[in-house]
Amino acid sequence: MSISNRMSEVIPQAVIDDVITKLTDCRTALEPYVMGLTEEERQTLFKMGDKTVATVQKVQSYIITNPELMPTYMNKVEFAKDVTVVTQLTPLQNMAYQLASDLDDTRMLAGSEALAEALIYYGSVKEAAKRGIPQAKPIYEELKERFTRRGTPKE
């Protein structure tokens, strides 16, 4: 079995430490301005996508050019703040999603390659234990629980 080894670089610990520091700095800088939501809150809020961003920005421009049409109970200042925050955070969120996706893909690839190699070692230990090689038996006994295939439970 030929194993493609696409992930062959180890990320230097200094790079990991630097990124952790920078991400922590980013989180700390934004902490006073970001909010967490409960799952229930996430479900009940209006969702703003690409089309609705454009719509809200269009409404903002109409409020500026036609303020007489704005109802008195609408808070123009808070509306403008909300639009600004969406505009500010969108590029940050896009970068964060891209980074998270790249991290996930790289971790998945490295994990897949590591598991494939671990399976090769396990197969060798299993064969050695089967042939009666003494030092292989305790290794096999410990690893077999981790490498046992678990089928989907039947209903």
Protein backbone atom coordinates (compact mmCIF):
# COMPACT_ATOMS: atom_id res chain seq x y z
CA MET A 1 0.00 0.00 0.00
CA SER A 2 1.50 3.30 -1.10
CA ILE A 3 0.83 6.22 1.19
CA SER A 4 0.94 9.73 -0.20
CA ASN A 5 2.69 11.97 2.27
CA ARG A 6 1.45 15.47 1.46
CA MET A 7 2.04 16.80 4.97
CA SER A 8 5.74 16.49 5.65
CA GLU A 9 6.59 19.75 7.39
CA VAL A 10 6.48 20.22 11.14
CA ILE A 11 5.39 23.71 12.12
CA PRO A 12 8.13 25.20 14.29
CA GLN A 13 7.00 25.72 17.88
CA ALA A 14 8.11 29.36 17.65
CA VAL A 15 5.58 29.89 14.83
CA ILE A 16 2.81 28.21 16.86
CA ASP A 17 3.68 30.33 19.91
CA ASP A 18 3.73 33.50 17.79
CA VAL A 19 0.34 32.72 16.24
CA ILE A 20 -1.17 31.92 19.65
CA THR A 21 0.11 35.26 20.95
CA LYS A 22 -1.29 37.14 17.96
CA LEU A 23 -4.66 35.40 18.13
CA THR A 24 -4.82 36.10 21.86
CA ASP A 25 -4.00 39.75 21.15
CA CYS A 26 -6.78 39.87 18.54
CA ARG A 27 -9.26 38.31 20.94
CA THR A 28 -8.23 40.67 23.73
CA ALA A 29 -8.51 43.73 21.44
CA LEU A 30 -12.01 42.74 20.29
CA GLU A 31 -13.26 41.41 23.64
CA PRO A 32 -15.01 44.63 24.72
CA TYR A 33 -16.90 44.70 21.43
CA VAL A 34 -17.88 41.09 20.71
CA MET A 35 -20.81 39.28 22.24
CA GLY A 36 -21.71 35.65 22.71
CA LEU A 37 -25.19 34.36 22.00
CA THR A 38 -27.14 31.43 23.32
CA GLU A 39 -28.38 28.86 20.83
CA GLU A 40 -31.92 30.13 21.37
CA GLU A 41 -30.85 33.71 20.64
CA ARG A 42 -29.09 32.56 17.46
CA GLN A 43 -32.27 30.87 16.29
CA THR A 44 -34.54 33.84 16.93
CA LEU A 45 -32.41 36.62 15.44
CA PHE A 46 -32.77 37.92 11.90
CA LYS A 47 -29.96 36.53 9.74
CA MET A 48 -27.96 38.94 7.61
CA GLY A 49 -26.48 37.50 4.44
CA ASP A 50 -24.87 39.05 1.36
CA LYS A 51 -28.18 40.24 -0.07
CA THR A 52 -29.45 41.69 3.19
CA VAL A 53 -26.15 43.50 3.81
CA ALA A 54 -26.67 45.32 0.54
CA THR A 55 -30.30 46.01 1.45
CA VAL A 56 -29.37 47.46 4.85
CA GLN A 57 -26.66 49.61 3.28
CA LYS A 58 -29.20 50.84 0.70
CA VAL A 59 -31.63 51.73 3.52
CA GLN A 60 -28.82 53.60 5.26
CA SER A 61 -28.19 55.68 2.16
CA TYR A 62 -31.93 56.45 1.84
CA ILE A 63 -32.06 57.55 5.47
CA ILE A 64 -29.32 60.05 4.64
CA THR A 65 -30.99 61.31 1.45
CA ASN A 66 -34.60 61.07 2.62
CA PRO A 67 -34.63 61.49 6.42
CA GLU A 68 -38.21 62.76 6.37
CA LEU A 69 -39.37 59.18 5.63
CA MET A 70 -37.73 57.73 8.73
CA PRO A 71 -40.23 56.96 11.49
CA THR A 72 -39.73 58.84 14.73
CA TYR A 73 -39.49 55.62 16.72
CA MET A 74 -36.51 54.39 14.65
CA ASN A 75 -33.13 54.98 16.31
CA LYS A 76 -30.96 56.38 13.49
CA VAL A 77 -27.80 56.52 15.63
CA GLU A 78 -28.04 52.88 16.76
CA PHE A 79 -28.90 51.77 13.23
CA ALA A 80 -25.78 53.50 11.89
CA LYS A 81 -23.63 51.90 14.62
CA ASP A 82 -24.96 48.44 13.78
CA VAL A 83 -24.31 48.92 10.06
CA THR A 84 -20.77 50.10 10.83
CA VAL A 85 -20.05 47.06 13.02
CA VAL A 86 -21.28 44.69 10.30
CA THR A 87 -19.11 46.47 7.75
CA GLN A 88 -16.07 46.39 10.06
CA LEU A 89 -16.41 42.76 11.12
CA THR A 90 -17.19 41.22 7.71
CA PRO A 91 -13.58 41.22 6.43
CA LEU A 92 -12.32 39.99 9.82
CA GLN A 93 -14.87 37.19 9.81
CA ASN A 94 -13.95 36.23 6.25
CA MET A 95 -10.27 36.02 7.21
CA ALA A 96 -11.09 34.03 10.35
CA TYR A 97 -13.25 31.56 8.38
CA GLN A 98 -10.52 31.12 5.78
CA LEU A 99 -7.90 30.55 8.48
CA ALA A 100 -10.17 28.13 10.36
CA SER A 101 -10.86 26.22 7.14
CA ASP A 102 -7.15 26.01 6.28
CA LEU A 103 -6.31 24.88 9.82
CA ASP A 104 -9.06 22.25 9.71
CA ASP A 105 -7.93 20.95 6.30
CA THR A 106 -4.27 20.77 7.35
CA ARG A 107 -5.10 19.09 10.65
CA MET A 108 -7.36 16.61 8.85
CA LEU A 109 -4.66 15.77 6.29
CA ALA A 110 -1.94 15.33 8.92
CA GLY A 111 -4.31 13.27 11.07
CA SER A 112 -5.23 11.03 8.15
CA GLU A 113 -1.59 10.44 7.30
CA ALA A 114 -0.70 9.77 10.95
CA LEU A 115 -3.58 7.31 11.32
CA ALA A 116 -2.58 5.50 8.12
CA GLU A 117 0.96 5.06 9.45
CA ALA A 118 -0.36 3.96 12.86
CA LEU A 119 -2.46 1.30 11.12
CA ILE A 120 0.65 0.02 9.36
CA TYR A 121 2.46 -0.29 12.69
CA TYR A 122 -0.55 -1.94 14.30
CA GLY A 123 -0.73 -4.46 11.47
CA SER A 124 2.93 -5.29 11.97
CA VAL A 125 2.49 -5.70 15.74
CA LYS A 126 -0.62 -7.84 15.21
CA GLU A 127 1.28 -10.13 12.83
CA ALA A 128 4.24 -10.33 15.23
CA ALA A 129 1.92 -11.23 18.14
CA LYS A 130 0.25 -13.88 15.97
CA ARG A 131 3.69 -15.38 15.29
CA GLY A 132 4.47 -15.52 18.99
CA ILE A 133 7.00 -12.71 19.34
CA PRO A 134 6.86 -12.00 23.09
CA GLN A 135 7.33 -8.22 23.13
CA ALA A 136 4.58 -7.78 20.53
CA LYS A 137 1.81 -9.39 22.60
CA PRO A 138 1.39 -6.65 25.29
CA ILE A 139 1.55 -3.95 22.62
CA TYR A 140 -1.04 -5.76 20.54
CA GLU A 141 -3.30 -6.31 23.56
CA GLU A 142 -3.25 -2.61 24.36
CA LEU A 143 -3.66 -1.38 20.78
CA LYS A 144 -6.31 -3.84 19.62
CA GLU A 145 -8.98 -2.00 21.63
CA ARG A 146 -8.14 1.20 19.77
CA PHE A 147 -8.07 -0.39 16.33
CA THR A 148 -11.13 -2.62 16.59
CA ARG A 149 -13.66 -1.68 13.95
CA ARG A 150 -16.95 -0.72 15.43
CA GLY A 151 -19.87 -1.31 13.12
CA THR A 152 -22.98 0.77 13.14
CA PRO A 153 -25.46 -0.52 15.69
CA LYS A 154 -28.34 -2.44 14.18
CA GLU A 155 -31.83 -1.39 15.05
